Amino acid sequence: MKFIGRSAELSALARMYEKNSFEMMILYGRRRVGKTTLLNRFAEGKNVLFYTGVESKDSENLIEFGRAVFSHFNNVTAAGIEFRSYQDVLAYITNSVKRDASGKREVIIIDEYPYIAENAPELASLLQREIDREWKTLNIMLILCGSSIAFMEEEVLGQKSPLYGRRTGQIDLPPFDYLTSAEFVPAYTPEEKAIVYGITGGIPRYLSLIDPEKTLEGNILALYFDASGYFYEEPKNMLRQEFRDVSLYFAILGAIGSGSTQLSEISDKTGFDSAKTAQAVRKLEAVRIIRKDIPILNEKNRKLNQYSIQDGMFRFWFRFVAKGTGAIERTYGNEYYAAMVRPYIHEFMGPVFETICQEYTFRTGVTGRYGSPITRIGKWRGADPVLKCPSDIDVVGINEADKTAVIGECKFSNRTFGKEECETLMDRARLLAPYRIEKYLMFSLGGFSDWVAEYAQNDSTVVLVSIDSLYSI
């Protein structure tokens, strides 16, 4: 399969590799985001010792890591070789590097580091001592990689970690954005590319499962609405890898997926007490399955914060698949999809389209295309004091220095963007006072009415953005 994306991350790794000194990269990110694929790509053509930790409570990692080290430095199989401790393994690495008169760059990659370190708490201190005493003067590049975000941030990067201060770089690997995600399905229409991004969340593993030779609907049916499809069991599989009490987290995601956005609502919906719910929500945030949406320019008003499912696959699953498991397991997935999913795809894509439009606005606006460079982007949510009702603005890009902004309205619908939507957006500009609005961006899947098109021709502050334009930057 063609390697897609990650040019910035590969460049960062390459710059570190080119230095003739000890370097330590910390690479982490949620599961399925492509960390190992990135490391394998980086490792091509290099002198690399690569070990992947396994989830084990016994000495399996010590034995296998030691054999990987021995095999690497002696270019032989290491069956029967066993080191007594991690200290002995690290000392063997040090001595082997010192004995090598060529002075070649030694790259040591420990993938799934948390699996090893959680059951060998002494490893971090042993690494710290070896780095401080020996490796800092050697031509070694060490990469520690992990999917446990909390562990990597607290036990590797955190101030209380023995390894604190030793890293010379870190990469928190994100999902792909909508443009990179589109490279997996180059022949799809822009609308279809957007939906692919919506149902996968830009997760590389999930994107790789989309067959570009099949129709979009064919992919969705095979992956989500067939009991043997990859995504049918994926939410439970993911949660089992992260948590013990899967039912608790499943219930919370179900509540959020059905529209509960506040902690009190989630607690009421699930029947769990508020303390237990709050703790579980924080853990779901930590593994980046859900997020707290904080409206731009209203950050101090906590009542406006809302929880939403961040992961596109989880969001699609809990919006559609969760309610159809009976039909799917009885092999009526196609019929369920036709009646209960297909008519609501555009509705599901509403928040996803807002995210895409925010990304587009920031990309095109950070250089000053709309006036002052945009420095922050988000969605505004709050009260309209004139109409005395809640209101929102889909896209708000601001420059805090000179108090200027661009605002946008997003419509993922086959209907044309009309006069009413245009006037509503322009009226809501008053909600951002004292910010001065430089541009009004109108994003539409279904095109624009003649009235809106003519208005935009006569008013330079109005910018019309078709879905084709979103994919042509």
Protein backbone atom coordinates (compact mmCIF):
# COMPACT_ATOMS: atom_id res chain seq x y z
CA MET A 1 0.00 0.00 0.00
CA LYS A 2 1.14 3.52 -0.81
CA PHE A 3 2.53 5.42 2.17
CA ILE A 4 0.38 8.53 2.72
CA GLY A 5 1.07 11.66 4.76
CA ARG A 6 3.34 12.19 7.78
CA SER A 7 5.86 14.33 5.89
CA ALA A 8 6.27 16.72 8.85
CA GLU A 9 6.84 13.87 11.30
CA LEU A 10 9.29 12.08 8.99
CA SER A 11 11.20 15.34 8.56
CA ALA A 12 11.42 15.80 12.33
CA LEU A 13 12.74 12.24 12.75
CA ALA A 14 15.20 12.73 9.88
CA ARG A 15 16.58 15.94 11.40
CA MET A 16 17.14 14.15 14.67
CA TYR A 17 18.75 11.20 12.91
CA GLU A 18 21.22 13.43 11.09
CA LYS A 19 22.75 14.70 14.34
CA ASN A 20 25.86 12.90 15.56
CA SER A 21 24.83 12.97 19.19
CA PHE A 22 22.51 11.25 21.62
CA GLU A 23 18.90 12.04 20.80
CA MET A 24 15.71 10.81 22.42
CA MET A 25 12.33 11.06 20.68
CA ILE A 26 9.05 10.40 22.49
CA LEU A 27 6.33 9.35 20.06
CA TYR A 28 2.80 8.72 21.24
CA GLY A 29 -0.82 8.88 20.12
CA ARG A 30 -4.10 6.99 20.27
CA ARG A 31 -4.41 3.45 18.97
CA ARG A 32 -4.70 2.90 15.20
CA VAL A 33 -3.23 6.34 14.45
CA GLY A 34 -0.24 4.94 12.56
CA LYS A 35 2.71 5.19 14.97
CA THR A 36 4.26 1.84 14.03
CA THR A 37 3.72 2.48 10.33
CA LEU A 38 5.52 5.81 10.69
CA LEU A 39 8.41 4.19 12.57
CA ASN A 40 8.72 1.41 9.99
CA ARG A 41 8.87 4.00 7.23
CA PHE A 42 11.52 5.99 9.10
CA ALA A 43 13.55 2.84 9.82
CA GLU A 44 13.89 1.89 6.15
CA GLY A 45 17.54 1.67 5.12
CA LYS A 46 18.85 2.47 8.59
CA ASN A 47 20.72 0.55 11.27
CA VAL A 48 17.78 -0.04 13.61
CA LEU A 49 17.16 -2.14 16.69
CA PHE A 50 13.35 -2.38 16.76
CA TYR A 51 11.48 -4.06 19.61
CA THR A 52 7.73 -4.01 20.21
CA GLY A 53 6.54 -4.62 23.75
CA VAL A 54 3.78 -7.09 24.47
CA GLU A 55 1.12 -6.96 27.15
CA SER A 56 2.45 -9.51 29.60
CA LYS A 57 2.80 -9.80 33.38
CA ASP A 58 5.74 -12.18 33.30
CA SER A 59 9.30 -11.89 32.03
CA GLU A 60 8.39 -12.27 28.35
CA ASN A 61 9.41 -8.70 27.44
CA LEU A 62 12.77 -9.01 29.22
CA ILE A 63 13.52 -12.26 27.42
CA GLU A 64 12.40 -11.09 23.97
CA PHE A 65 13.93 -7.62 24.23
CA GLY A 66 17.22 -9.17 25.31
CA ARG A 67 17.14 -11.58 22.36
CA ALA A 68 16.36 -8.72 19.96
CA VAL A 69 19.37 -6.81 21.31
CA PHE A 70 21.68 -9.80 21.07
CA SER A 71 20.51 -10.67 17.56
CA HIS A 72 20.89 -7.07 16.36
CA PHE A 73 24.46 -6.63 17.51
CA ASN A 74 25.66 -10.11 16.54
CA ASN A 75 23.60 -10.64 13.40
CA VAL A 76 22.59 -14.12 14.54
CA THR A 77 19.45 -15.71 15.94
CA ALA A 78 19.30 -15.51 19.70
CA ALA A 79 17.31 -18.61 20.64
CA GLY A 80 18.22 -19.68 24.15
CA ILE A 81 19.82 -16.34 25.07
CA GLU A 82 18.44 -14.81 28.27
CA PHE A 83 19.53 -11.73 30.21
CA ARG A 84 18.97 -11.62 33.94
CA SER A 85 17.76 -8.03 34.09
CA TYR A 86 17.05 -4.91 32.02
CA GLN A 87 20.20 -3.43 33.51
CA ASP A 88 22.20 -6.20 31.85
CA VAL A 89 20.41 -5.61 28.52
CA LEU A 90 21.15 -1.87 28.57
CA ALA A 91 24.76 -2.49 29.56
CA TYR A 92 25.08 -4.91 26.64
CA ILE A 93 23.81 -2.20 24.27
CA THR A 94 26.34 0.28 25.67
CA ASN A 95 29.26 -2.10 25.38
CA SER A 96 28.25 -3.17 21.86
CA VAL A 97 28.04 0.42 20.63
CA LYS A 98 31.41 1.24 22.21
CA ARG A 99 33.07 -1.78 20.58
CA ASP A 100 31.88 -0.77 17.12
CA ALA A 101 34.79 1.18 15.66
CA SER A 102 32.72 2.40 12.69
CA GLY A 103 30.87 4.90 14.86
CA LYS A 104 27.67 4.40 12.81
CA ARG A 105 24.40 5.85 14.00
CA GLU A 106 22.58 3.41 16.29
CA VAL A 107 18.79 3.75 16.26
CA ILE A 108 16.95 2.01 19.11
CA ILE A 109 13.16 1.91 18.80
CA ILE A 110 11.05 0.56 21.64
CA ASP A 111 7.46 0.41 20.43
CA GLU A 112 4.61 -0.01 22.94
CA TYR A 113 7.00 1.06 25.69
CA PRO A 114 4.19 1.23 28.31
CA TYR A 115 3.59 -2.52 28.01
CA ILE A 116 7.16 -3.07 29.17
CA ALA A 117 7.49 -0.28 31.71
CA GLU A 118 4.19 -0.90 33.48
CA ASN A 119 5.43 -4.33 34.53
CA ALA A 120 9.06 -3.28 34.99
CA PRO A 121 8.86 0.03 36.91
CA GLU A 122 12.63 0.02 37.31
CA LEU A 123 13.18 0.40 33.57
CA ALA A 124 12.75 4.20 33.47
CA SER A 125 15.38 4.69 36.18
CA LEU A 126 17.73 2.24 34.49
CA LEU A 127 17.35 4.06 31.18
CA GLN A 128 17.95 7.40 32.88
CA ARG A 129 21.15 6.13 34.49
CA GLU A 130 22.43 4.60 31.25
CA ILE A 131 21.67 7.79 29.33
CA ASP A 132 23.36 10.02 31.90
CA ARG A 133 26.42 7.81 32.37
CA GLU A 134 27.02 6.45 28.88
CA TRP A 135 24.57 7.16 26.05
CA LYS A 136 24.79 10.94 26.14
CA THR A 137 28.30 10.64 24.69
CA LEU A 138 27.41 7.97 22.12
CA ASN A 139 25.93 8.15 18.62
CA ILE A 140 22.55 6.75 19.70
CA MET A 141 19.04 7.80 18.71
CA LEU A 142 16.45 6.37 21.12
CA ILE A 143 12.74 6.37 20.28
CA LEU A 144 10.18 5.43 22.91
CA CYS A 145 6.70 4.92 21.46
CA GLY A 146 3.37 4.18 23.10
CA SER A 147 -0.39 4.13 22.66
CA SER A 148 -1.17 4.79 26.31
CA ILE A 149 -1.34 8.57 26.13
CA ALA A 150 -1.70 9.08 29.88
CA PHE A 151 1.31 6.86 30.59
CA MET A 152 3.50 8.56 28.00
CA GLU A 153 2.57 12.05 29.19
CA GLU A 154 2.87 11.30 32.90
CA GLU A 155 5.45 8.52 33.23
CA VAL A 156 7.78 9.50 30.38
CA LEU A 157 7.32 13.22 29.75
CA GLY A 158 6.06 14.17 33.23
CA GLN A 159 8.23 16.03 35.74
CA LYS A 160 8.14 13.12 38.18
CA SER A 161 9.48 10.67 35.61
CA PRO A 162 13.13 9.61 35.87
CA LEU A 163 13.32 10.33 32.13
CA TYR A 164 12.18 13.93 32.53
CA GLY A 165 14.52 16.33 30.76
CA ARG A 166 16.25 13.62 28.69
CA ARG A 167 14.03 13.79 25.62
CA THR A 168 15.24 16.01 22.79
CA GLY A 169 11.97 15.86 20.87
CA GLN A 170 8.41 14.59 21.07
CA ILE A 171 5.62 13.89 18.60
CA ASP A 172 1.99 13.61 19.66
CA LEU A 173 0.78 11.91 16.49
CA PRO A 174 -2.64 13.22 15.39
CA PRO A 175 -5.20 11.67 13.04
CA PHE A 176 -5.04 12.81 9.43
CA ASP A 177 -6.86 15.99 8.45
CA TYR A 178 -9.59 15.93 5.83
CA LEU A 179 -7.24 16.66 2.93
CA THR A 180 -4.78 13.86 3.73
CA SER A 181 -7.68 11.48 4.39
CA ALA A 182 -8.94 12.18 0.87
CA GLU A 183 -5.73 10.70 -0.59
CA PHE A 184 -6.98 7.23 0.36
CA VAL A 185 -9.93 7.59 -2.04
CA PRO A 186 -8.64 9.82 -4.86
CA ALA A 187 -11.42 8.93 -7.33
CA TYR A 188 -14.26 9.72 -4.94
CA THR A 189 -16.25 12.95 -5.29
CA PRO A 190 -15.57 15.73 -2.73
CA GLU A 191 -18.85 14.85 -0.99
CA GLU A 192 -17.81 11.21 -0.72
CA LYS A 193 -14.33 12.17 0.50
CA ALA A 194 -15.89 14.27 3.24
CA ILE A 195 -18.10 11.37 4.34
CA VAL A 196 -15.10 9.01 4.40
CA TYR A 197 -13.39 11.48 6.70
CA GLY A 198 -16.54 11.67 8.81
CA ILE A 199 -16.92 7.92 9.35
CA THR A 200 -13.21 7.27 10.03
CA GLY A 201 -12.17 10.42 11.87
CA GLY A 202 -8.97 10.52 9.84
CA ILE A 203 -7.54 7.47 11.63
CA PRO A 204 -5.03 5.88 9.21
CA ARG A 205 -5.89 2.29 10.09
CA TYR A 206 -9.56 2.93 9.44
CA LEU A 207 -8.88 4.82 6.22
CA SER A 208 -6.74 1.93 4.95
CA LEU A 209 -9.79 -0.34 5.18
CA ILE A 210 -11.79 1.76 2.73
CA ASP A 211 -11.53 0.04 -0.65
CA PRO A 212 -11.21 2.84 -3.24
CA GLU A 213 -12.41 0.43 -5.93
CA LYS A 214 -15.76 0.00 -4.16
CA THR A 215 -18.51 2.55 -3.91
CA LEU A 216 -18.76 4.57 -0.70
CA GLU A 217 -22.02 2.86 0.18
CA GLY A 218 -20.49 -0.55 -0.53
CA ASN A 219 -17.68 0.19 1.91
CA ILE A 220 -20.02 1.43 4.62
CA LEU A 221 -22.26 -1.63 4.30
CA ALA A 222 -19.36 -4.10 4.37
CA LEU A 223 -17.49 -2.47 7.25
CA TYR A 224 -20.30 -1.29 9.53
CA PHE A 225 -23.54 -3.07 8.69
CA ASP A 226 -22.30 -6.63 8.34
CA ALA A 227 -21.75 -8.58 11.56
CA SER A 228 -18.37 -9.74 10.23
CA GLY A 229 -17.31 -6.22 9.21
CA TYR A 230 -14.24 -4.68 10.84
CA PHE A 231 -16.06 -1.75 12.43
CA TYR A 232 -18.97 -3.76 13.76
CA GLU A 233 -16.99 -4.90 16.83
CA GLU A 234 -14.29 -2.20 16.78
CA PRO A 235 -15.72 0.07 19.52
CA LYS A 236 -15.87 -2.80 22.00
CA ASN A 237 -12.42 -4.01 20.97
CA MET A 238 -10.96 -0.52 21.47
CA LEU A 239 -12.61 -0.08 24.85
CA ARG A 240 -11.40 -3.51 26.03
CA GLN A 241 -7.83 -2.45 25.27
CA GLU A 242 -8.21 0.67 27.38
CA PHE A 243 -10.62 -0.16 30.22
CA ARG A 244 -11.74 -3.01 32.44
CA ASP A 245 -15.41 -2.07 32.87
CA VAL A 246 -16.39 -1.78 29.22
CA SER A 247 -20.11 -1.53 30.03
CA LEU A 248 -19.60 1.76 31.92
CA TYR A 249 -17.83 3.46 29.03
CA PHE A 250 -20.18 1.95 26.47
CA ALA A 251 -23.15 3.41 28.32
CA ILE A 252 -21.55 6.84 28.53
CA LEU A 253 -20.73 6.86 24.83
CA GLY A 254 -24.28 5.78 24.09
CA ALA A 255 -25.61 8.70 26.13
CA ILE A 256 -23.36 11.22 24.40
CA GLY A 257 -24.14 9.71 21.01
CA SER A 258 -27.86 10.18 21.64
CA GLY A 259 -27.48 13.86 22.47
CA SER A 260 -26.50 14.17 26.14
CA THR A 261 -23.78 16.82 26.24
CA GLN A 262 -23.54 17.84 29.92
CA LEU A 263 -22.17 15.71 32.77
CA SER A 264 -25.49 15.87 34.61
CA GLU A 265 -27.35 14.71 31.50
CA ILE A 266 -24.90 11.88 30.91
CA SER A 267 -25.18 10.79 34.55
CA ASP A 268 -28.99 10.84 34.42
CA LYS A 269 -29.07 8.97 31.12
CA THR A 270 -26.71 6.19 32.26
CA GLY A 271 -27.87 5.89 35.86
CA PHE A 272 -24.32 6.19 37.23
CA ASP A 273 -23.60 8.68 40.02
CA SER A 274 -22.01 11.99 39.03
CA ALA A 275 -18.58 11.22 40.52
CA LYS A 276 -18.26 7.91 38.68
CA THR A 277 -19.51 9.49 35.46
CA ALA A 278 -17.07 12.40 35.72
CA GLN A 279 -14.12 10.05 36.28
CA ALA A 280 -15.08 7.87 33.32
CA VAL A 281 -15.58 10.92 31.09
CA ARG A 282 -12.09 12.17 31.98
CA LYS A 283 -10.64 8.80 30.99
CA LEU A 284 -12.50 8.82 27.68
CA GLU A 285 -11.09 12.29 27.09
CA ALA A 286 -7.58 11.06 27.90
CA VAL A 287 -7.73 8.37 25.21
CA ARG A 288 -9.26 10.91 22.78
CA ILE A 289 -12.52 9.15 22.14
CA ILE A 290 -14.54 12.11 23.42
CA ARG A 291 -13.71 15.78 23.84
CA LYS A 292 -15.00 18.79 25.70
CA ASP A 293 -16.12 21.39 23.16
CA ILE A 294 -15.32 24.86 24.49
CA PRO A 295 -16.79 27.71 22.43
CA ILE A 296 -14.31 30.26 21.16
CA LEU A 297 -14.51 33.66 22.92
CA ASN A 298 -16.78 32.16 25.58
CA GLU A 299 -14.18 29.96 27.24
CA LYS A 300 -14.91 31.27 30.75
CA ASN A 301 -18.57 30.29 30.67
CA ARG A 302 -18.38 26.64 31.72
CA LYS A 303 -22.12 26.19 31.28
CA LEU A 304 -21.55 26.41 27.53
CA ASN A 305 -19.08 23.52 27.46
CA GLN A 306 -20.38 20.37 25.80
CA TYR A 307 -19.09 16.82 25.54
CA SER A 308 -19.09 15.19 22.13
CA ILE A 309 -17.66 12.03 20.58
CA GLN A 310 -14.39 13.10 18.98
CA ASP A 311 -13.56 9.83 17.25
CA GLY A 312 -15.40 9.64 13.92
CA MET A 313 -15.75 5.86 13.93
CA PHE A 314 -17.22 5.87 17.46
CA ARG A 315 -19.54 8.75 16.60
CA PHE A 316 -20.90 7.00 13.50
CA TRP A 317 -21.24 3.69 15.37
CA PHE A 318 -23.18 5.14 18.28
CA ARG A 319 -25.31 7.30 15.99
CA PHE A 320 -26.36 4.46 13.69
CA VAL A 321 -24.95 0.99 14.34
CA ALA A 322 -25.82 0.75 18.04
CA LYS A 323 -29.53 0.95 17.27
CA GLY A 324 -29.36 -1.57 14.46
CA THR A 325 -27.47 -4.50 15.96
CA GLY A 326 -30.57 -6.71 16.00
CA ALA A 327 -31.16 -6.20 12.29
CA ILE A 328 -27.48 -6.48 11.41
CA GLU A 329 -27.00 -9.76 13.26
CA ARG A 330 -30.03 -11.15 11.47
CA THR A 331 -28.39 -10.21 8.15
CA TYR A 332 -30.72 -7.27 7.47
CA GLY A 333 -27.94 -4.69 7.62
CA ASN A 334 -28.55 -3.49 4.07
CA GLU A 335 -32.23 -2.91 4.73
CA TYR A 336 -31.54 -1.16 8.02
CA TYR A 337 -29.00 1.09 6.32
CA ALA A 338 -31.41 2.04 3.53
CA ALA A 339 -34.18 2.98 5.96
CA MET A 340 -32.35 4.35 9.00
CA VAL A 341 -28.94 5.55 7.87
CA ARG A 342 -28.83 6.71 4.26
CA PRO A 343 -31.53 9.41 4.75
CA TYR A 344 -29.61 10.89 7.72
CA ILE A 345 -26.02 10.86 6.48
CA HIS A 346 -26.06 14.58 5.70
CA GLU A 347 -27.42 15.34 9.16
CA PHE A 348 -24.66 13.23 10.73
CA MET A 349 -22.09 15.10 8.65
CA GLY A 350 -23.15 18.53 9.92
CA PRO A 351 -20.58 18.79 12.76
CA VAL A 352 -17.96 17.03 10.63
CA PHE A 353 -18.46 19.56 7.86
CA GLU A 354 -18.03 22.37 10.39
CA THR A 355 -14.67 20.87 11.39
CA ILE A 356 -13.61 20.63 7.75
CA CYS A 357 -14.63 24.24 7.12
CA GLN A 358 -12.78 25.42 10.23
CA GLU A 359 -9.64 23.65 9.01
CA TYR A 360 -10.01 25.21 5.56
CA THR A 361 -10.54 28.66 7.06
CA PHE A 362 -7.45 28.41 9.22
CA ARG A 363 -5.28 27.05 6.39
CA THR A 364 -6.34 29.80 4.00
CA GLY A 365 -6.61 32.55 6.60
CA VAL A 366 -3.43 32.16 8.62
CA THR A 367 -1.46 33.92 5.85
CA GLY A 368 -3.82 36.90 5.78
CA ARG A 369 -6.01 35.94 2.83
CA TYR A 370 -9.09 37.42 4.51
CA GLY A 371 -7.37 40.47 5.99
CA SER A 372 -5.57 40.13 9.31
CA PRO A 373 -3.95 36.68 9.76
CA ILE A 374 -6.16 34.26 11.65
CA THR A 375 -4.48 33.04 14.84
CA ARG A 376 -7.31 31.01 16.40
CA ILE A 377 -10.25 29.07 14.99
CA GLY A 378 -13.33 27.50 16.52
CA LYS A 379 -17.10 27.56 16.92
CA TRP A 380 -18.94 30.24 18.88
CA ARG A 381 -21.83 29.30 21.13
CA GLY A 382 -23.76 31.52 23.52
CA ALA A 383 -26.86 33.61 24.16
CA ASP A 384 -28.35 36.12 21.76
CA PRO A 385 -29.39 39.08 23.96
CA VAL A 386 -31.58 40.56 21.24
CA LEU A 387 -33.52 37.46 20.26
CA LYS A 388 -33.25 36.11 23.82
CA CYS A 389 -32.35 32.57 22.75
CA PRO A 390 -29.27 30.36 22.36
CA SER A 391 -27.26 30.92 19.21
CA ASP A 392 -24.10 29.71 17.51
CA ILE A 393 -21.70 30.52 14.68
CA ASP A 394 -20.19 27.49 12.91
CA VAL A 395 -16.83 29.01 12.01
CA VAL A 396 -15.08 31.82 13.87
CA GLY A 397 -11.50 32.73 13.03
CA ILE A 398 -10.01 35.55 15.07
CA ASN A 399 -6.96 37.75 15.37
CA GLU A 400 -6.77 38.68 19.03
CA ALA A 401 -4.16 41.39 18.50
CA ASP A 402 -6.31 43.70 16.39
CA LYS A 403 -9.73 42.30 17.34
CA THR A 404 -10.73 41.21 13.83
CA ALA A 405 -12.59 38.07 12.82
CA VAL A 406 -14.00 36.04 9.97
CA ILE A 407 -17.20 34.08 10.50
CA GLY A 408 -18.78 31.27 8.54
CA GLU A 409 -21.96 29.23 8.10
CA CYS A 410 -21.77 25.58 6.96
CA LYS A 411 -24.50 23.65 5.13
CA PHE A 412 -23.92 19.98 4.25
CA SER A 413 -27.16 19.60 2.35
CA ASN A 414 -28.34 19.20 -1.22
CA ARG A 415 -30.36 22.39 -0.80
CA THR A 416 -28.78 25.59 -2.04
CA PHE A 417 -27.40 28.08 0.45
CA GLY A 418 -30.08 30.78 0.35
CA LYS A 419 -30.89 34.35 1.31
CA GLU A 420 -32.11 33.42 4.80
CA GLU A 421 -28.86 31.66 5.74
CA CYS A 422 -26.82 34.55 4.35
CA GLU A 423 -28.74 37.20 6.28
CA THR A 424 -28.72 35.13 9.47
CA LEU A 425 -24.92 34.81 9.38
CA MET A 426 -24.44 38.53 8.77
CA ASP A 427 -26.84 39.40 11.59
CA ARG A 428 -24.94 37.21 14.06
CA ALA A 429 -21.80 39.30 13.55
CA ARG A 430 -23.07 41.54 16.36
CA LEU A 431 -22.64 38.65 18.82
CA LEU A 432 -18.85 38.90 18.51
CA ALA A 433 -18.52 42.58 19.46
CA PRO A 434 -16.01 44.21 19.89
CA TYR A 435 -14.49 42.06 17.10
CA ARG A 436 -14.77 43.61 13.64
CA ILE A 437 -15.86 41.12 10.96
CA GLU A 438 -13.64 41.19 7.87
CA LYS A 439 -15.21 38.35 5.89
CA TYR A 440 -18.38 36.28 5.85
CA LEU A 441 -17.63 32.74 4.63
CA MET A 442 -20.50 30.65 3.32
CA PHE A 443 -19.80 26.94 2.86
CA SER A 444 -22.22 24.76 0.93
CA LEU A 445 -22.48 21.24 -0.43
CA GLY A 446 -25.53 22.06 -2.54
CA GLY A 447 -24.31 25.31 -4.08
CA PHE A 448 -25.75 28.81 -3.73
CA SER A 449 -28.98 30.47 -4.76
CA ASP A 450 -28.95 33.13 -7.45
CA TRP A 451 -29.69 35.76 -4.81
CA VAL A 452 -26.63 34.75 -2.74
CA ALA A 453 -24.39 34.53 -5.81
CA GLU A 454 -25.41 38.02 -6.92
CA TYR A 455 -25.01 39.42 -3.42
CA ALA A 456 -21.48 38.01 -3.18
CA GLN A 457 -20.58 39.62 -6.51
CA ASN A 458 -21.56 43.03 -5.14
CA ASP A 459 -20.11 42.64 -1.62
CA SER A 460 -16.43 41.78 -1.31
CA THR A 461 -16.83 40.79 2.35
CA VAL A 462 -18.90 37.76 1.31
CA VAL A 463 -16.92 34.67 0.25
CA LEU A 464 -18.70 31.64 -1.23
CA VAL A 465 -16.92 28.31 -0.76
CA SER A 466 -18.15 25.22 -2.59
CA ILE A 467 -17.22 21.72 -1.47
CA ASP A 468 -15.00 21.44 -4.56
CA SER A 469 -13.05 24.47 -3.30
CA LEU A 470 -12.43 22.75 0.04
CA TYR A 471 -10.50 20.03 -1.76
CA SER A 472 -8.57 22.22 -4.19
CA ILE A 473 -6.26 24.13 -1.82
